[in-house]
């Protein structure tokens, strides 16, 4: 039973990392670089940081 839970948690981490990589791959290179420096751990964190960074860029234009 414990093994099933561990595999499931491992599977969720893999899926989360796959989604993060896919999202980051599609970003503007300068935004991507700033985001990766912050080393986000979840897709929610990635989206939040990217949104904040994008808002900052738009406010300067």
C-alpha atoms as a PDB file:
ATOM      1  CA  UNK A   1       0.000   0.000   0.000  1.00  0.00           C
ATOM      2  CA  UNK A   2       2.771   2.458   0.887  1.00  0.00           C
ATOM      3  CA  UNK A   3       4.505   1.715  -2.384  1.00  0.00           C
ATOM      4  CA  UNK A   4       1.396   2.632  -4.363  1.00  0.00           C
ATOM      5  CA  UNK A   5       1.245   6.004  -2.579  1.00  0.00           C
ATOM      6  CA  UNK A   6       4.923   6.652  -3.273  1.00  0.00           C
ATOM      7  CA  UNK A   7       4.542   5.819  -6.962  1.00  0.00           C
ATOM      8  CA  UNK A   8       1.508   8.020  -7.165  1.00  0.00           C
ATOM      9  CA  UNK A   9       3.339  10.936  -5.510  1.00  0.00           C
ATOM     10  CA  UNK A  10       6.298  10.382  -7.817  1.00  0.00           C
ATOM     11  CA  UNK A  11       3.960  10.325 -10.800  1.00  0.00           C
ATOM     12  CA  UNK A  12       2.334  13.597  -9.709  1.00  0.00           C
ATOM     13  CA  UNK A  13       5.752  15.268  -9.315  1.00  0.00           C
ATOM     14  CA  UNK A  14       6.759  14.062 -12.781  1.00  0.00           C
ATOM     15  CA  UNK A  15       3.526  15.384 -14.296  1.00  0.00           C
ATOM     16  CA  UNK A  16       3.920  18.733 -12.486  1.00  0.00           C
ATOM     17  CA  UNK A  17       7.508  19.093 -13.757  1.00  0.00           C
ATOM     18  CA  UNK A  18       6.423  18.201 -17.292  1.00  0.00           C
ATOM     19  CA  UNK A  19       3.755  20.920 -17.240  1.00  0.00           C
ATOM     20  CA  UNK A  20       6.210  23.484 -15.868  1.00  0.00           C
ATOM     21  CA  UNK A  21       8.780  22.694 -18.566  1.00  0.00           C
ATOM     22  CA  UNK A  22       6.163  22.875 -21.310  1.00  0.00           C
ATOM     23  CA  UNK A  23       4.890  26.245 -20.083  1.00  0.00           C
ATOM     24  CA  UNK A  24       8.368  27.738 -19.631  1.00  0.00           C
ATOM     25  CA  UNK A  25       9.426  26.520 -23.089  1.00  0.00           C
ATOM     26  CA  UNK A  26       6.791  28.776 -24.673  1.00  0.00           C
ATOM     27  CA  UNK A  27       7.830  31.949 -22.849  1.00  0.00           C
ATOM     28  CA  UNK A  28       9.730  34.923 -24.200  1.00  0.00           C
ATOM     29  CA  UNK A  29      13.476  34.218 -23.662  1.00  0.00           C
ATOM     30  CA  UNK A  30      14.040  37.153 -21.291  1.00  0.00           C
ATOM     31  CA  UNK A  31      11.005  36.237 -19.192  1.00  0.00           C
ATOM     32  CA  UNK A  32      12.104  32.603 -19.213  1.00  0.00           C
ATOM     33  CA  UNK A  33      15.545  33.542 -17.870  1.00  0.00           C
ATOM     34  CA  UNK A  34      14.097  35.660 -15.043  1.00  0.00           C
ATOM     35  CA  UNK A  35      11.646  32.924 -14.133  1.00  0.00           C
ATOM     36  CA  UNK A  36      14.227  30.144 -14.010  1.00  0.00           C
ATOM     37  CA  UNK A  37      16.449  32.173 -11.671  1.00  0.00           C
ATOM     38  CA  UNK A  38      13.620  32.089  -9.115  1.00  0.00           C
ATOM     39  CA  UNK A  39      13.416  28.257  -9.309  1.00  0.00           C
ATOM     40  CA  UNK A  40       9.645  27.798  -8.935  1.00  0.00           C
ATOM     41  CA  UNK A  41       8.445  24.465  -7.501  1.00  0.00           C
ATOM     42  CA  UNK A  42       4.865  24.277  -8.765  1.00  0.00           C
ATOM     43  CA  UNK A  43       2.888  25.201 -11.848  1.00  0.00           C
ATOM     44  CA  UNK A  44       0.865  27.632  -9.753  1.00  0.00           C
ATOM     45  CA  UNK A  45       4.072  29.368  -8.642  1.00  0.00           C
ATOM     46  CA  UNK A  46       5.349  29.509 -12.241  1.00  0.00           C
ATOM     47  CA  UNK A  47       2.110  31.089 -13.456  1.00  0.00           C
ATOM     48  CA  UNK A  48       2.084  33.628 -10.632  1.00  0.00           C
ATOM     49  CA  UNK A  49       5.710  34.684 -11.194  1.00  0.00           C
ATOM     50  CA  UNK A  50       5.288  34.871 -14.976  1.00  0.00           C
ATOM     51  CA  UNK A  51       2.156  36.965 -14.588  1.00  0.00           C
ATOM     52  CA  UNK A  52       3.906  39.391 -12.209  1.00  0.00           C
ATOM     53  CA  UNK A  53       6.921  39.699 -14.503  1.00  0.00           C
ATOM     54  CA  UNK A  54       4.716  40.271 -17.541  1.00  0.00           C
ATOM     55  CA  UNK A  55       2.764  42.973 -15.693  1.00  0.00           C
ATOM     56  CA  UNK A  56       6.015  44.755 -14.829  1.00  0.00           C
ATOM     57  CA  UNK A  57       7.140  44.682 -18.458  1.00  0.00           C
ATOM     58  CA  UNK A  58       3.782  45.995 -19.674  1.00  0.00           C
ATOM     59  CA  UNK A  59       3.833  48.849 -17.165  1.00  0.00           C
ATOM     60  CA  UNK A  60       7.138  50.092 -18.642  1.00  0.00           C
ATOM     61  CA  UNK A  61       5.822  50.108 -22.223  1.00  0.00           C
END
